[in-house]
Amino acid sequence: FAYQMKYDSVHGKFKHTVTTKKSDANLAEADIIVVNGHEIKCIMATRNPEDLPWGKLGVEYVVESTGLFTEADKARGHIKAGAKKVIISAPGKGDLKTIVMGVNHTEYQSSMDVVSNASCTTNCLAPVVHVLLKEGLGIEKGLMTTIHAYTATQKTVDGPSKKDWRGGRAAACNIIPSTTGAAKAVGEVLPSVKGKLTGMAFRVPTPDVSVVDLTFLSEKDTSIKEIDELLKKASQTYLKGILGFT
C-alpha cells in the first residue's frame, strides 16, 4: 500500500516521504504507514464493519470508500464498531441524507450519523443546477451526459459482465455507453428538480478526468450571456472554491 501511495500511474510520484514501520517488533509485517512524518495505523480488512476496532482506536469519523457498504444500515456497522459518524463517498441508499458541499450542506444536522457525499458526477452537476435555481432561471426539464474516465469496476480485457454486455468490454480501448444515477441524485439534493432530469454516461478510454454536459429548458427566458454571468458570479461568491468559471 505504501508503494502504491508513493508511485501512481496517473498522478506520478508522491512528493513527500512514505515509509512503513511496526508498532510491535514481534509483528510479521509493518502495520503503520508514515506519510511525511505522520503515522497512520493500518488494520486488517473485514467483511463486517461491526468487527472493526474503531472504538478501541478512538476513531470518530469514518469515510466509507470501499463501495461495498453504501446502504445506510450496512454503513451503520461502523457506528456499532465505535465510530460517531460515517461519510459515504458514493451515492447512498436507505435512510440517509445526501450532501453536496456548496449546494445543500447547510441542511446537515448533528443528529445525522450517516450521510452520503454523492458521486463525483453529482458533485459536478449539482452546483451548476443550484445556480440556475438560486438565480431564478429554473429548469423545466433537462438531459445530462457524462463523458467518464474508466474505473476499477470495468474490465482490462474483454470479458463477461454481470451488469450488461457492453460493460464487459476492455476499458482502455472502447467507448462504452452506460447508465448514471447522477441526474436522479441531483433530485435528492435539490428536490425542486426531482423527476425533471435524466441522463446517460459514456465510459471512455482515459484513466483520469471526466466531464458533464447539461442541456436544459429553462422556465424563464434567458441567454447564454446571462447564464455565463450568473455562473461566473457564483464562482466568485457563494460557490467560490467549488465551482470554477473560465
C-alpha atoms as a PDB file:
ATOM      1  CA  PHE A   1       0.000   0.000   0.000  1.00  0.00           C
ATOM      2  CA  ALA A   2       2.872   2.377   0.799  1.00  0.00           C
ATOM      3  CA  TYR A   3       4.363   1.614  -2.612  1.00  0.00           C
ATOM      4  CA  GLN A   4       1.050   2.424  -4.324  1.00  0.00           C
ATOM      5  CA  MET A   5       0.836   5.728  -2.462  1.00  0.00           C
ATOM      6  CA  LYS A   6       4.366   6.695  -3.436  1.00  0.00           C
ATOM      7  CA  TYR A   7       4.098   5.820  -7.123  1.00  0.00           C
ATOM      8  CA  ASP A   8       0.854   6.488  -9.001  1.00  0.00           C
ATOM      9  CA  SER A   9       0.344   5.666 -12.675  1.00  0.00           C
ATOM     10  CA  VAL A  10      -1.808   8.757 -13.255  1.00  0.00           C
ATOM     11  CA  HIS A  11      -0.550  11.369 -10.810  1.00  0.00           C
ATOM     12  CA  GLY A  12       3.100  10.349 -10.748  1.00  0.00           C
ATOM     13  CA  LYS A  13       5.470  10.163  -7.798  1.00  0.00           C
ATOM     14  CA  PHE A  14       4.344  11.443  -4.394  1.00  0.00           C
ATOM     15  CA  LYS A  15       6.499  14.454  -3.490  1.00  0.00           C
ATOM     16  CA  HIS A  16       6.776  13.621   0.211  1.00  0.00           C
ATOM     17  CA  THR A  17       8.181  10.655   2.112  1.00  0.00           C
ATOM     18  CA  VAL A  18       6.243   7.416   2.534  1.00  0.00           C
ATOM     19  CA  THR A  19       7.658   4.667   4.745  1.00  0.00           C
ATOM     20  CA  THR A  20       6.377   1.837   6.936  1.00  0.00           C
ATOM     21  CA  LYS A  21       7.113   0.616  10.451  1.00  0.00           C
ATOM     22  CA  LYS A  22       5.936  -1.922  13.010  1.00  0.00           C
ATOM     23  CA  SER A  23       4.032  -0.950  16.134  1.00  0.00           C
ATOM     24  CA  ASP A  24       5.431  -4.112  17.718  1.00  0.00           C
ATOM     25  CA  ALA A  25       8.750  -5.750  16.854  1.00  0.00           C
ATOM     26  CA  ASN A  26       7.112  -9.168  17.080  1.00  0.00           C
ATOM     27  CA  LEU A  27       4.720  -8.470  14.202  1.00  0.00           C
ATOM     28  CA  ALA A  28       5.358 -10.319  10.942  1.00  0.00           C
ATOM     29  CA  GLU A  29       4.623  -7.237   8.828  1.00  0.00           C
ATOM     30  CA  ALA A  30       4.604  -3.475   9.272  1.00  0.00           C
ATOM     31  CA  ASP A  31       1.234  -2.098  10.381  1.00  0.00           C
ATOM     32  CA  ILE A  32       1.951   1.640  10.288  1.00  0.00           C
ATOM     33  CA  ILE A  33       2.359   3.859   7.230  1.00  0.00           C
ATOM     34  CA  VAL A  34       4.356   7.034   7.837  1.00  0.00           C
ATOM     35  CA  VAL A  35       3.412   9.800   5.393  1.00  0.00           C
ATOM     36  CA  ASN A  36       5.687  12.826   5.645  1.00  0.00           C
ATOM     37  CA  GLY A  37       6.217  12.088   9.345  1.00  0.00           C
ATOM     38  CA  HIS A  38       2.538  11.458  10.095  1.00  0.00           C
ATOM     39  CA  GLU A  39       1.824   7.932  11.336  1.00  0.00           C
ATOM     40  CA  ILE A  40      -1.280   6.130  10.071  1.00  0.00           C
ATOM     41  CA  LYS A  41      -2.354   2.890  11.717  1.00  0.00           C
ATOM     42  CA  CYS A  42      -3.354   0.103   9.312  1.00  0.00           C
ATOM     43  CA  ILE A  43      -5.860  -2.575  10.272  1.00  0.00           C
ATOM     44  CA  MET A  44      -6.870  -5.873   8.729  1.00  0.00           C
ATOM     45  CA  ALA A  45      -9.800  -5.834   6.321  1.00  0.00           C
ATOM     46  CA  THR A  46     -13.044  -7.473   7.395  1.00  0.00           C
ATOM     47  CA  ARG A  47     -16.316  -8.376   5.692  1.00  0.00           C
ATOM     48  CA  ASN A  48     -18.319  -6.874   8.560  1.00  0.00           C
ATOM     49  CA  PRO A  49     -17.779  -3.213   9.566  1.00  0.00           C
ATOM     50  CA  GLU A  50     -19.011  -4.061  13.073  1.00  0.00           C
ATOM     51  CA  ASP A  51     -15.822  -6.057  13.619  1.00  0.00           C
ATOM     52  CA  LEU A  52     -13.527  -3.081  13.028  1.00  0.00           C
ATOM     53  CA  PRO A  53     -11.726  -1.668  16.119  1.00  0.00           C
ATOM     54  CA  TRP A  54     -12.937   1.929  15.777  1.00  0.00           C
ATOM     55  CA  GLY A  55     -13.858   2.241  19.442  1.00  0.00           C
ATOM     56  CA  LYS A  56     -10.521   0.870  20.626  1.00  0.00           C
ATOM     57  CA  LEU A  57      -8.594   3.193  18.311  1.00  0.00           C
ATOM     58  CA  GLY A  58     -10.683   6.248  19.218  1.00  0.00           C
ATOM     59  CA  VAL A  59     -11.876   6.767  15.645  1.00  0.00           C
ATOM     60  CA  GLU A  60     -14.729   9.295  15.461  1.00  0.00           C
ATOM     61  CA  TYR A  61     -15.270   9.776  11.723  1.00  0.00           C
ATOM     62  CA  VAL A  62     -15.200   7.019   9.099  1.00  0.00           C
ATOM     63  CA  VAL A  63     -15.059   7.684   5.356  1.00  0.00           C
ATOM     64  CA  GLU A  64     -16.685   4.644   3.762  1.00  0.00           C
ATOM     65  CA  SER A  65     -14.971   4.323   0.382  1.00  0.00           C
ATOM     66  CA  THR A  66     -14.998   0.585  -0.243  1.00  0.00           C
ATOM     67  CA  GLY A  67     -18.143   0.806  -2.368  1.00  0.00           C
ATOM     68  CA  LEU A  68     -19.478  -2.228  -0.508  1.00  0.00           C
ATOM     69  CA  PHE A  69     -21.394  -0.597   2.341  1.00  0.00           C
ATOM     70  CA  THR A  70     -23.350   2.188   0.649  1.00  0.00           C
ATOM     71  CA  GLU A  71     -26.657   1.175   2.223  1.00  0.00           C
ATOM     72  CA  ALA A  72     -27.423   3.115   5.393  1.00  0.00           C
ATOM     73  CA  ASP A  73     -27.977   0.038   7.554  1.00  0.00           C
ATOM     74  CA  LYS A  74     -24.717  -1.564   6.444  1.00  0.00           C
ATOM     75  CA  ALA A  75     -22.774   1.679   6.878  1.00  0.00           C
ATOM     76  CA  ARG A  76     -24.082   1.942  10.429  1.00  0.00           C
ATOM     77  CA  GLY A  77     -21.945  -1.090  11.186  1.00  0.00           C
ATOM     78  CA  HIS A  78     -19.139   1.448  11.636  1.00  0.00           C
ATOM     79  CA  ILE A  79     -21.232   3.171  14.309  1.00  0.00           C
ATOM     80  CA  LYS A  80     -21.725  -0.137  16.108  1.00  0.00           C
ATOM     81  CA  ALA A  81     -17.950  -0.604  15.945  1.00  0.00           C
ATOM     82  CA  GLY A  82     -17.436   2.622  17.890  1.00  0.00           C
ATOM     83  CA  ALA A  83     -17.329   5.446  15.341  1.00  0.00           C
ATOM     84  CA  LYS A  84     -19.556   8.506  15.774  1.00  0.00           C
ATOM     85  CA  LYS A  85     -20.185   9.492  12.153  1.00  0.00           C
ATOM     86  CA  VAL A  86     -19.927   7.876   8.720  1.00  0.00           C
ATOM     87  CA  ILE A  87     -19.479   9.669   5.388  1.00  0.00           C
ATOM     88  CA  ILE A  88     -20.161   7.514   2.326  1.00  0.00           C
ATOM     89  CA  SER A  89     -18.064   8.709  -0.622  1.00  0.00           C
ATOM     90  CA  ALA A  90     -20.613   7.424  -3.141  1.00  0.00           C
ATOM     91  CA  PRO A  91     -24.373   7.534  -3.725  1.00  0.00           C
ATOM     92  CA  GLY A  92     -26.079   6.090  -0.658  1.00  0.00           C
ATOM     93  CA  LYS A  93     -29.231   4.056  -0.229  1.00  0.00           C
ATOM     94  CA  GLY A  94     -31.795   3.916   2.537  1.00  0.00           C
ATOM     95  CA  ASP A  95     -32.378   6.206   5.492  1.00  0.00           C
ATOM     96  CA  LEU A  96     -29.672   8.825   4.996  1.00  0.00           C
ATOM     97  CA  LYS A  97     -29.124  12.364   3.742  1.00  0.00           C
ATOM     98  CA  THR A  98     -27.195  13.127   0.561  1.00  0.00           C
ATOM     99  CA  ILE A  99     -24.986  16.182   0.937  1.00  0.00           C
ATOM    100  CA  VAL A 100     -23.206  18.136  -1.808  1.00  0.00           C
ATOM    101  CA  MET A 101     -20.929  20.862  -0.491  1.00  0.00           C
ATOM    102  CA  GLY A 102     -21.970  24.345  -1.556  1.00  0.00           C
ATOM    103  CA  VAL A 103     -25.429  23.135  -2.547  1.00  0.00           C
ATOM    104  CA  ASN A 104     -27.230  21.725   0.497  1.00  0.00           C
ATOM    105  CA  HIS A 105     -24.550  21.314   3.168  1.00  0.00           C
ATOM    106  CA  THR A 106     -26.440  23.715   5.442  1.00  0.00           C
ATOM    107  CA  GLU A 107     -29.153  21.054   5.758  1.00  0.00           C
ATOM    108  CA  TYR A 108     -26.797  18.801   7.700  1.00  0.00           C
ATOM    109  CA  GLN A 109     -27.914  18.203  11.288  1.00  0.00           C
ATOM    110  CA  SER A 110     -25.825  16.863  14.151  1.00  0.00           C
ATOM    111  CA  SER A 111     -28.338  14.050  14.634  1.00  0.00           C
ATOM    112  CA  MET A 112     -27.348  12.553  11.257  1.00  0.00           C
ATOM    113  CA  ASP A 113     -24.933   9.704  11.918  1.00  0.00           C
ATOM    114  CA  VAL A 114     -24.585   8.526   8.297  1.00  0.00           C
ATOM    115  CA  VAL A 115     -24.530  10.824   5.255  1.00  0.00           C
ATOM    116  CA  SER A 116     -23.668  10.351   1.594  1.00  0.00           C
ATOM    117  CA  ASN A 117     -21.391  12.758  -0.258  1.00  0.00           C
ATOM    118  CA  ALA A 118     -22.934  11.552  -3.558  1.00  0.00           C
ATOM    119  CA  SER A 119     -20.863  10.655  -6.627  1.00  0.00           C
ATOM    120  CA  CYS A 120     -18.189  12.634  -8.443  1.00  0.00           C
ATOM    121  CA  THR A 121     -20.674  13.206 -11.287  1.00  0.00           C
ATOM    122  CA  THR A 122     -23.337  14.518  -8.912  1.00  0.00           C
ATOM    123  CA  ASN A 123     -20.803  16.860  -7.302  1.00  0.00           C
ATOM    124  CA  CYS A 124     -20.058  18.204 -10.777  1.00  0.00           C
ATOM    125  CA  LEU A 125     -23.669  18.623 -11.880  1.00  0.00           C
ATOM    126  CA  ALA A 126     -25.417  19.784  -8.705  1.00  0.00           C
ATOM    127  CA  PRO A 127     -23.580  23.135  -8.251  1.00  0.00           C
ATOM    128  CA  VAL A 128     -24.485  24.199 -11.800  1.00  0.00           C
ATOM    129  CA  VAL A 129     -28.135  23.253 -11.308  1.00  0.00           C
ATOM    130  CA  HIS A 130     -28.044  25.026  -7.941  1.00  0.00           C
ATOM    131  CA  VAL A 131     -27.024  28.289  -9.627  1.00  0.00           C
ATOM    132  CA  LEU A 132     -29.807  28.043 -12.211  1.00  0.00           C
ATOM    133  CA  LEU A 133     -32.382  27.546  -9.459  1.00  0.00           C
ATOM    134  CA  LYS A 134     -30.985  30.057  -6.989  1.00  0.00           C
ATOM    135  CA  GLU A 135     -30.793  32.793  -9.630  1.00  0.00           C
ATOM    136  CA  GLY A 136     -34.406  32.251 -10.695  1.00  0.00           C
ATOM    137  CA  LEU A 137     -33.961  30.726 -14.149  1.00  0.00           C
ATOM    138  CA  GLY A 138     -35.422  27.382 -13.127  1.00  0.00           C
ATOM    139  CA  ILE A 139     -35.353  24.108 -15.033  1.00  0.00           C
ATOM    140  CA  GLU A 140     -38.402  22.715 -16.805  1.00  0.00           C
ATOM    141  CA  LYS A 141     -36.550  19.609 -17.976  1.00  0.00           C
ATOM    142  CA  GLY A 142     -33.009  18.594 -18.788  1.00  0.00           C
ATOM    143  CA  LEU A 143     -30.615  15.953 -20.089  1.00  0.00           C
ATOM    144  CA  MET A 144     -27.134  15.417 -18.705  1.00  0.00           C
ATOM    145  CA  THR A 145     -24.398  13.365 -20.334  1.00  0.00           C
ATOM    146  CA  THR A 146     -21.148  12.458 -18.641  1.00  0.00           C
ATOM    147  CA  ILE A 147     -18.019  11.507 -20.555  1.00  0.00           C
ATOM    148  CA  HIS A 148     -16.452   9.466 -17.788  1.00  0.00           C
ATOM    149  CA  ALA A 149     -12.963   8.060 -17.291  1.00  0.00           C
ATOM    150  CA  TYR A 150     -12.883   4.309 -16.772  1.00  0.00           C
ATOM    151  CA  THR A 151     -12.909   2.973 -13.215  1.00  0.00           C
ATOM    152  CA  ALA A 152     -11.846  -0.126 -11.296  1.00  0.00           C
ATOM    153  CA  THR A 153     -15.248  -1.759 -11.843  1.00  0.00           C
ATOM    154  CA  GLN A 154     -14.510  -2.160 -15.558  1.00  0.00           C
ATOM    155  CA  LYS A 155     -12.594  -4.895 -17.368  1.00  0.00           C
ATOM    156  CA  THR A 156      -8.980  -4.528 -18.501  1.00  0.00           C
ATOM    157  CA  VAL A 157      -9.665  -7.026 -21.307  1.00  0.00           C
ATOM    158  CA  ASP A 158     -12.928  -8.217 -22.864  1.00  0.00           C
ATOM    159  CA  GLY A 159     -14.900 -10.468 -20.560  1.00  0.00           C
ATOM    160  CA  PRO A 160     -18.372 -11.227 -19.211  1.00  0.00           C
ATOM    161  CA  SER A 161     -20.208  -8.530 -17.269  1.00  0.00           C
ATOM    162  CA  LYS A 162     -22.995  -9.162 -14.781  1.00  0.00           C
ATOM    163  CA  LYS A 163     -24.446  -5.708 -15.408  1.00  0.00           C
ATOM    164  CA  ASP A 164     -24.678  -5.672 -19.217  1.00  0.00           C
ATOM    165  CA  TRP A 165     -22.851  -6.924 -22.313  1.00  0.00           C
ATOM    166  CA  ARG A 166     -21.289  -3.559 -23.091  1.00  0.00           C
ATOM    167  CA  GLY A 167     -19.817  -3.283 -19.618  1.00  0.00           C
ATOM    168  CA  GLY A 168     -17.660  -6.315 -20.300  1.00  0.00           C
ATOM    169  CA  ARG A 169     -15.616  -4.578 -22.984  1.00  0.00           C
ATOM    170  CA  ALA A 170     -11.973  -3.653 -22.337  1.00  0.00           C
ATOM    171  CA  ALA A 171     -11.949  -0.240 -20.678  1.00  0.00           C
ATOM    172  CA  ALA A 172      -8.808   1.146 -22.313  1.00  0.00           C
ATOM    173  CA  CYS A 173      -9.903   0.641 -25.932  1.00  0.00           C
ATOM    174  CA  ASN A 174     -13.674   1.164 -26.027  1.00  0.00           C
ATOM    175  CA  ILE A 175     -16.244   3.919 -25.643  1.00  0.00           C
ATOM    176  CA  ILE A 176     -18.926   2.204 -23.576  1.00  0.00           C
ATOM    177  CA  PRO A 177     -22.481   3.590 -23.224  1.00  0.00           C
ATOM    178  CA  SER A 178     -23.634   3.186 -19.650  1.00  0.00           C
ATOM    179  CA  THR A 179     -26.081   4.439 -17.069  1.00  0.00           C
ATOM    180  CA  THR A 180     -25.585   7.098 -14.413  1.00  0.00           C
ATOM    181  CA  GLY A 181     -27.548   7.849 -11.286  1.00  0.00           C
ATOM    182  CA  ALA A 182     -26.338  11.449 -11.151  1.00  0.00           C
ATOM    183  CA  ALA A 183     -29.485  13.018 -12.627  1.00  0.00           C
ATOM    184  CA  LYS A 184     -31.671  11.211 -10.101  1.00  0.00           C
ATOM    185  CA  ALA A 185     -29.274  12.037  -7.271  1.00  0.00           C
ATOM    186  CA  VAL A 186     -29.447  15.758  -8.040  1.00  0.00           C
ATOM    187  CA  GLY A 187     -33.189  15.478  -7.448  1.00  0.00           C
ATOM    188  CA  GLU A 188     -32.428  14.174  -3.958  1.00  0.00           C
ATOM    189  CA  VAL A 189     -30.134  17.119  -3.266  1.00  0.00           C
ATOM    190  CA  LEU A 190     -32.367  19.708  -4.963  1.00  0.00           C
ATOM    191  CA  PRO A 191     -35.977  18.439  -4.629  1.00  0.00           C
ATOM    192  CA  SER A 192     -37.409  21.096  -6.951  1.00  0.00           C
ATOM    193  CA  VAL A 193     -35.842  19.326  -9.967  1.00  0.00           C
ATOM    194  CA  LYS A 194     -36.763  15.810  -8.883  1.00  0.00           C
ATOM    195  CA  GLY A 195     -38.031  13.906 -11.920  1.00  0.00           C
ATOM    196  CA  LYS A 196     -37.057  16.710 -14.307  1.00  0.00           C
ATOM    197  CA  LEU A 197     -33.563  15.494 -15.200  1.00  0.00           C
ATOM    198  CA  THR A 198     -32.436  12.359 -16.977  1.00  0.00           C
ATOM    199  CA  GLY A 199     -29.001  11.288 -18.109  1.00  0.00           C
ATOM    200  CA  MET A 200     -26.563   8.776 -19.513  1.00  0.00           C
ATOM    201  CA  ALA A 201     -22.846   8.077 -19.414  1.00  0.00           C
ATOM    202  CA  PHE A 202     -20.083   7.146 -21.820  1.00  0.00           C
ATOM    203  CA  ARG A 203     -17.123   5.352 -20.275  1.00  0.00           C
ATOM    204  CA  VAL A 204     -14.116   6.384 -22.358  1.00  0.00           C
ATOM    205  CA  PRO A 205     -10.530   5.077 -22.587  1.00  0.00           C
ATOM    206  CA  THR A 206      -8.823   7.633 -20.382  1.00  0.00           C
ATOM    207  CA  PRO A 207      -7.657   6.963 -16.800  1.00  0.00           C
ATOM    208  CA  ASP A 208      -8.486  10.360 -15.348  1.00  0.00           C
ATOM    209  CA  VAL A 209     -10.674  13.453 -15.832  1.00  0.00           C
ATOM    210  CA  SER A 210     -14.389  13.347 -16.647  1.00  0.00           C
ATOM    211  CA  VAL A 211     -16.862  15.945 -17.877  1.00  0.00           C
ATOM    212  CA  VAL A 212     -20.596  16.613 -17.606  1.00  0.00           C
ATOM    213  CA  ASP A 213     -22.674  18.231 -20.346  1.00  0.00           C
ATOM    214  CA  LEU A 214     -26.063  19.645 -19.291  1.00  0.00           C
ATOM    215  CA  THR A 215     -28.757  20.551 -21.807  1.00  0.00           C
ATOM    216  CA  PHE A 216     -31.853  22.088 -20.251  1.00  0.00           C
ATOM    217  CA  LEU A 217     -35.019  24.038 -20.932  1.00  0.00           C
ATOM    218  CA  SER A 218     -35.264  26.946 -18.521  1.00  0.00           C
ATOM    219  CA  GLU A 219     -38.539  28.082 -17.007  1.00  0.00           C
ATOM    220  CA  LYS A 220     -37.592  31.704 -17.657  1.00  0.00           C
ATOM    221  CA  ASP A 221     -36.435  33.265 -20.935  1.00  0.00           C
ATOM    222  CA  THR A 222     -32.682  33.755 -20.777  1.00  0.00           C
ATOM    223  CA  SER A 223     -29.499  33.898 -22.852  1.00  0.00           C
ATOM    224  CA  ILE A 224     -26.038  32.356 -22.897  1.00  0.00           C
ATOM    225  CA  LYS A 225     -24.621  35.697 -21.770  1.00  0.00           C
ATOM    226  CA  GLU A 226     -26.893  35.830 -18.721  1.00  0.00           C
ATOM    227  CA  ILE A 227     -26.167  32.221 -17.773  1.00  0.00           C
ATOM    228  CA  ASP A 228     -22.412  32.791 -18.098  1.00  0.00           C
ATOM    229  CA  GLU A 229     -22.614  35.883 -15.915  1.00  0.00           C
ATOM    230  CA  LEU A 230     -24.583  34.029 -13.237  1.00  0.00           C
ATOM    231  CA  LEU A 231     -22.135  31.114 -13.199  1.00  0.00           C
ATOM    232  CA  LYS A 232     -19.180  33.491 -13.048  1.00  0.00           C
ATOM    233  CA  LYS A 233     -20.732  35.411 -10.152  1.00  0.00           C
ATOM    234  CA  ALA A 234     -21.429  32.192  -8.270  1.00  0.00           C
ATOM    235  CA  SER A 235     -17.837  31.009  -8.771  1.00  0.00           C
ATOM    236  CA  GLN A 236     -16.600  34.219  -7.161  1.00  0.00           C
ATOM    237  CA  THR A 237     -19.115  34.360  -4.298  1.00  0.00           C
ATOM    238  CA  TYR A 238     -21.308  31.650  -2.772  1.00  0.00           C
ATOM    239  CA  LEU A 239     -19.675  28.786  -4.725  1.00  0.00           C
ATOM    240  CA  LYS A 240     -16.095  30.033  -4.529  1.00  0.00           C
ATOM    241  CA  GLY A 241     -13.730  27.089  -4.217  1.00  0.00           C
ATOM    242  CA  ILE A 242     -16.387  24.690  -5.508  1.00  0.00           C
ATOM    243  CA  LEU A 243     -17.379  25.999  -8.941  1.00  0.00           C
ATOM    244  CA  GLY A 244     -14.842  27.323 -11.430  1.00  0.00           C
ATOM    245  CA  PHE A 245     -15.518  29.559 -14.429  1.00  0.00           C
ATOM    246  CA  THR A 246     -13.294  30.103 -17.471  1.00  0.00           C
END
